[in-house]
Amino acid sequence: MSQPKEKPPAPEERLSPRQEAYLKASKEIVVKFIETGRLSATGFQETFGLIYRAVRDTVEERR
């Protein structure tokens, strides 16, 4: 039996290219912090949100 295919997200649920770029940049920063020992898994959720907002705000401020 084949498994049912997942439906693609509705257009309003998709991320914009700009949001995807913010996520990718934030992820890279968090990965570097983890690699250098400046961030542990316990602080990931809070720190990722802070970094994401900082990246977004910095880019939006320049527009």
N, C-alpha and C. Protein backbone atom coordinates (compact mmCIF):
# COMPACT_ATOMS: atom_id res chain seq x y z
N MET A 1 0.82 -1.19 0.00
CA MET A 1 0.00 0.00 0.00
C MET A 1 0.86 1.25 0.00
N SER A 2 0.48 2.19 -0.78
CA SER A 2 1.23 3.44 -0.79
C SER A 2 0.67 4.37 0.29
N GLN A 3 1.56 5.21 0.78
CA GLN A 3 1.15 6.15 1.82
C GLN A 3 0.51 7.37 1.17
N PRO A 4 -0.47 7.97 1.86
CA PRO A 4 -1.10 9.15 1.28
C PRO A 4 -0.10 10.29 1.17
N LYS A 5 -0.20 11.03 0.09
CA LYS A 5 0.70 12.15 -0.13
C LYS A 5 0.27 13.32 0.74
N GLU A 6 1.27 14.04 1.25
CA GLU A 6 0.97 15.23 2.03
C GLU A 6 0.56 16.35 1.10
N LYS A 7 -0.44 17.08 1.51
CA LYS A 7 -0.87 18.22 0.72
C LYS A 7 0.12 19.36 0.93
N PRO A 8 0.41 20.11 -0.11
CA PRO A 8 1.29 21.26 0.08
C PRO A 8 0.58 22.28 0.96
N PRO A 9 1.34 23.09 1.72
CA PRO A 9 0.70 24.06 2.58
C PRO A 9 -0.09 25.09 1.77
N ALA A 10 -1.14 25.57 2.38
CA ALA A 10 -1.94 26.61 1.73
C ALA A 10 -1.07 27.85 1.54
N PRO A 11 -1.36 28.67 0.52
CA PRO A 11 -0.51 29.83 0.25
C PRO A 11 -0.29 30.72 1.48
N GLU A 12 -1.30 30.88 2.31
CA GLU A 12 -1.13 31.75 3.48
C GLU A 12 -0.25 31.11 4.56
N GLU A 13 0.01 29.79 4.45
CA GLU A 13 0.86 29.10 5.42
C GLU A 13 2.32 29.04 4.98
N ARG A 14 2.60 29.34 3.74
CA ARG A 14 3.97 29.29 3.23
C ARG A 14 4.75 30.51 3.70
N LEU A 15 6.05 30.31 3.81
CA LEU A 15 6.92 31.42 4.17
C LEU A 15 7.26 32.21 2.91
N SER A 16 7.40 33.49 3.08
CA SER A 16 7.83 34.31 1.96
C SER A 16 9.33 34.08 1.76
N PRO A 17 9.85 34.40 0.60
CA PRO A 17 11.30 34.26 0.40
C PRO A 17 12.10 35.06 1.44
N ARG A 18 11.60 36.19 1.82
CA ARG A 18 12.27 37.02 2.82
C ARG A 18 12.30 36.30 4.17
N GLN A 19 11.18 35.71 4.57
CA GLN A 19 11.13 34.97 5.84
C GLN A 19 12.07 33.77 5.81
N GLU A 20 12.13 33.09 4.67
CA GLU A 20 13.06 31.96 4.53
C GLU A 20 14.50 32.42 4.69
N ALA A 21 14.82 33.59 4.13
CA ALA A 21 16.18 34.12 4.25
C ALA A 21 16.49 34.46 5.71
N TYR A 22 15.53 35.04 6.43
CA TYR A 22 15.72 35.33 7.86
C TYR A 22 15.99 34.05 8.63
N LEU A 23 15.22 33.00 8.33
CA LEU A 23 15.40 31.73 9.03
C LEU A 23 16.78 31.13 8.74
N LYS A 24 17.19 31.16 7.48
CA LYS A 24 18.49 30.60 7.11
C LYS A 24 19.63 31.35 7.79
N ALA A 25 19.56 32.68 7.78
CA ALA A 25 20.61 33.47 8.41
C ALA A 25 20.64 33.22 9.92
N SER A 26 19.47 33.17 10.52
CA SER A 26 19.39 32.92 11.97
C SER A 26 19.95 31.54 12.31
N LYS A 27 19.62 30.56 11.48
CA LYS A 27 20.12 29.20 11.71
C LYS A 27 21.64 29.17 11.65
N GLU A 28 22.22 29.83 10.67
CA GLU A 28 23.68 29.84 10.54
C GLU A 28 24.33 30.48 11.76
N ILE A 29 23.76 31.55 12.26
CA ILE A 29 24.31 32.21 13.44
C ILE A 29 24.21 31.28 14.65
N VAL A 30 23.07 30.64 14.84
CA VAL A 30 22.89 29.74 15.97
C VAL A 30 23.85 28.56 15.87
N VAL A 31 24.02 28.01 14.68
CA VAL A 31 24.95 26.89 14.49
C VAL A 31 26.36 27.30 14.90
N LYS A 32 26.78 28.49 14.50
CA LYS A 32 28.12 28.97 14.87
C LYS A 32 28.24 29.12 16.38
N PHE A 33 27.20 29.63 17.03
CA PHE A 33 27.22 29.77 18.48
C PHE A 33 27.33 28.41 19.16
N ILE A 34 26.62 27.42 18.64
CA ILE A 34 26.68 26.08 19.21
C ILE A 34 28.07 25.48 18.99
N GLU A 35 28.61 25.63 17.78
CA GLU A 35 29.94 25.09 17.46
C GLU A 35 31.03 25.69 18.33
N THR A 36 30.89 26.96 18.67
CA THR A 36 31.92 27.62 19.47
C THR A 36 31.66 27.50 20.97
N GLY A 37 30.59 26.83 21.35
CA GLY A 37 30.31 26.62 22.76
C GLY A 37 29.63 27.80 23.45
N ARG A 38 29.17 28.78 22.69
CA ARG A 38 28.52 29.94 23.29
C ARG A 38 27.03 29.72 23.53
N LEU A 39 26.49 28.61 23.00
CA LEU A 39 25.08 28.30 23.16
C LEU A 39 24.92 26.80 23.34
N SER A 40 24.07 26.43 24.28
CA SER A 40 23.78 25.00 24.48
C SER A 40 22.35 24.73 24.04
N ALA A 41 22.01 23.48 23.97
CA ALA A 41 20.68 23.08 23.53
C ALA A 41 19.59 23.60 24.47
N THR A 42 19.91 23.77 25.73
CA THR A 42 18.90 24.23 26.68
C THR A 42 18.45 25.66 26.41
N GLY A 43 19.31 26.48 25.86
CA GLY A 43 18.94 27.86 25.58
C GLY A 43 18.56 28.12 24.14
N PHE A 44 18.44 27.05 23.36
CA PHE A 44 18.21 27.20 21.92
C PHE A 44 16.93 27.96 21.59
N GLN A 45 15.81 27.56 22.17
CA GLN A 45 14.52 28.14 21.78
C GLN A 45 14.48 29.65 22.01
N GLU A 46 14.88 30.06 23.18
CA GLU A 46 14.86 31.49 23.48
C GLU A 46 15.86 32.26 22.62
N THR A 47 17.06 31.71 22.50
CA THR A 47 18.10 32.40 21.75
C THR A 47 17.78 32.48 20.27
N PHE A 48 17.22 31.41 19.70
CA PHE A 48 16.88 31.44 18.28
C PHE A 48 15.88 32.55 18.00
N GLY A 49 14.87 32.68 18.86
CA GLY A 49 13.87 33.74 18.67
C GLY A 49 14.50 35.12 18.73
N LEU A 50 15.41 35.31 19.65
CA LEU A 50 16.09 36.61 19.76
C LEU A 50 16.92 36.91 18.52
N ILE A 51 17.64 35.91 18.06
CA ILE A 51 18.49 36.09 16.87
C ILE A 51 17.62 36.34 15.64
N TYR A 52 16.54 35.57 15.49
CA TYR A 52 15.65 35.76 14.34
C TYR A 52 15.11 37.19 14.31
N ARG A 53 14.62 37.66 15.46
CA ARG A 53 14.07 39.02 15.51
C ARG A 53 15.15 40.06 15.22
N ALA A 54 16.36 39.83 15.71
CA ALA A 54 17.45 40.79 15.45
C ALA A 54 17.78 40.83 13.97
N VAL A 55 17.85 39.67 13.31
CA VAL A 55 18.13 39.63 11.87
C VAL A 55 17.01 40.34 11.11
N ARG A 56 15.77 39.99 11.42
CA ARG A 56 14.61 40.59 10.74
C ARG A 56 14.58 42.10 10.94
N ASP A 57 14.73 42.54 12.17
CA ASP A 57 14.67 43.97 12.46
C ASP A 57 15.80 44.74 11.77
N THR A 58 16.97 44.14 11.73
CA THR A 58 18.11 44.79 11.08
C THR A 58 17.85 44.96 9.59
N VAL A 59 17.35 43.93 8.95
CA VAL A 59 17.07 44.01 7.51
C VAL A 59 15.93 44.98 7.23
N GLU A 60 14.87 44.88 8.00
CA GLU A 60 13.71 45.75 7.78
C GLU A 60 14.05 47.21 8.04
N GLU A 61 14.92 47.47 8.96
CA GLU A 61 15.32 48.83 9.27
C GLU A 61 16.06 49.47 8.10
N ARG A 62 16.74 48.67 7.32
CA ARG A 62 17.53 49.16 6.18
C ARG A 62 16.68 49.41 4.94
N ARG A 63 15.44 48.95 4.94
CA ARG A 63 14.58 49.08 3.76
C ARG A 63 14.06 50.46 3.61
